[in-house]
Structures are given as C-alpha cells and as structure tokens.
C-alpha cells in the first residue's frame, strides 16, 4: 500500500506523516480527506483506498460532518 503523500501534510497538521500507518489509521485518513481535502487529496484517497473502505467509513463515521456525509453519499450514488 502507498505511503501518505507529502502534499497531504496540510490536512494532518498535528501529526508526523511518517507515523501514520495507512492500514491502521485508515478511517482517520479517509475522514480527514473527505472533510477537508481538495480535489488532489480526494483523487489520492480514491486511488489509495477501495470504494468499499470509503463508503464504509462514510456510513459509520461520527467525525465527518452531516453536511459532508450527505455530499459524499449523493456524489457516490
């Protein structure tokens, strides 16, 4: 699996990128990018994680705003 891209540092300002594990921190990464990410970050997200992983996170997350959840549910249907 890919490493967290350097251009995503702005979305993980409080975290050292080298300490983020893509598998272990999958939900955290998906939530943060879906909530705050620009188009490049979202492209990276969809090329790194499966649609099932992303939709599962959307459906189960309590950290993504309701507005963002609604947007992504409409966008992905």
Protein backbone atom coordinates (compact mmCIF):
# COMPACT_ATOMS: atom_id res chain seq x y z
CA UNK A 1 0.00 0.00 0.00
CA UNK A 2 1.14 3.56 -0.73
CA UNK A 3 2.55 5.94 1.86
CA UNK A 4 0.73 9.07 2.87
CA UNK A 5 1.64 11.65 0.21
CA UNK A 6 3.62 14.73 1.27
CA UNK A 7 1.07 17.11 -0.26
CA UNK A 8 -1.45 15.88 2.33
CA UNK A 9 0.52 17.29 5.28
CA UNK A 10 -1.79 20.31 5.40
CA UNK A 11 -4.70 18.04 6.41
CA UNK A 12 -2.70 16.28 9.12
CA UNK A 13 -1.03 19.34 10.64
CA UNK A 14 -0.91 17.88 14.14
CA UNK A 15 0.66 14.58 13.08
CA UNK A 16 4.05 13.45 11.84
CA UNK A 17 3.32 11.88 8.43
CA UNK A 18 5.93 9.19 8.99
CA UNK A 19 3.92 7.92 11.96
CA UNK A 20 0.66 7.49 10.05
CA UNK A 21 0.01 3.89 9.06
CA UNK A 22 -2.35 3.63 6.09
CA UNK A 23 -3.93 0.40 7.27
CA UNK A 24 -4.06 1.12 10.99
CA UNK A 25 -5.21 4.73 10.56
CA UNK A 26 -7.43 4.15 7.52
CA UNK A 27 -10.63 5.64 8.99
CA UNK A 28 -8.80 8.71 10.33
CA UNK A 29 -7.22 9.37 6.93
CA UNK A 30 -10.46 8.86 4.99
CA UNK A 31 -12.45 11.04 7.38
CA UNK A 32 -9.94 13.88 7.28
CA UNK A 33 -9.64 13.91 3.49
CA UNK A 34 -13.39 13.68 2.90
CA UNK A 35 -13.99 16.51 5.36
CA UNK A 36 -11.14 18.87 4.43
CA UNK A 37 -9.47 17.66 1.25
CA UNK A 38 -9.19 19.41 -2.09
CA UNK A 39 -9.57 17.65 -5.46
CA UNK A 40 -5.96 16.39 -5.47
CA UNK A 41 -6.35 14.94 -1.98
CA UNK A 42 -9.62 13.24 -2.96
CA UNK A 43 -8.02 11.78 -6.10
CA UNK A 44 -5.21 10.39 -3.93
CA UNK A 45 -7.79 8.98 -1.49
CA UNK A 46 -9.75 7.15 -4.20
CA UNK A 47 -6.54 5.78 -5.74
CA UNK A 48 -5.31 4.54 -2.36
CA UNK A 49 -8.44 3.10 -0.70
CA UNK A 50 -11.22 0.98 -2.17
CA UNK A 51 -14.71 2.34 -2.69
CA UNK A 52 -15.93 -0.15 -0.09
CA UNK A 53 -13.48 1.18 2.52
CA UNK A 54 -14.51 4.75 1.78
CA UNK A 55 -18.27 4.12 1.82
CA UNK A 56 -17.99 2.03 5.00
CA UNK A 57 -16.20 4.93 6.68
CA UNK A 58 -18.83 7.39 5.46
CA UNK A 59 -21.64 5.19 6.79
CA UNK A 60 -20.01 4.57 10.19
CA UNK A 61 -18.20 7.81 10.96
CA UNK A 62 -19.15 10.15 13.76
CA UNK A 63 -16.31 12.56 12.93
CA UNK A 64 -17.43 13.60 9.45
CA UNK A 65 -19.97 16.43 9.47
CA UNK A 66 -23.53 15.63 8.42
CA UNK A 67 -23.15 18.10 5.56
CA UNK A 68 -20.07 16.25 4.23
CA UNK A 69 -21.69 12.85 4.72
CA UNK A 70 -24.70 13.97 2.69
CA UNK A 71 -22.49 15.37 -0.05
CA UNK A 72 -20.41 12.19 -0.35
CA UNK A 73 -23.45 9.91 -0.29
CA UNK A 74 -25.00 11.88 -3.16
CA UNK A 75 -21.70 12.08 -5.02
CA UNK A 76 -21.11 8.33 -4.78
CA UNK A 77 -24.58 7.25 -5.93
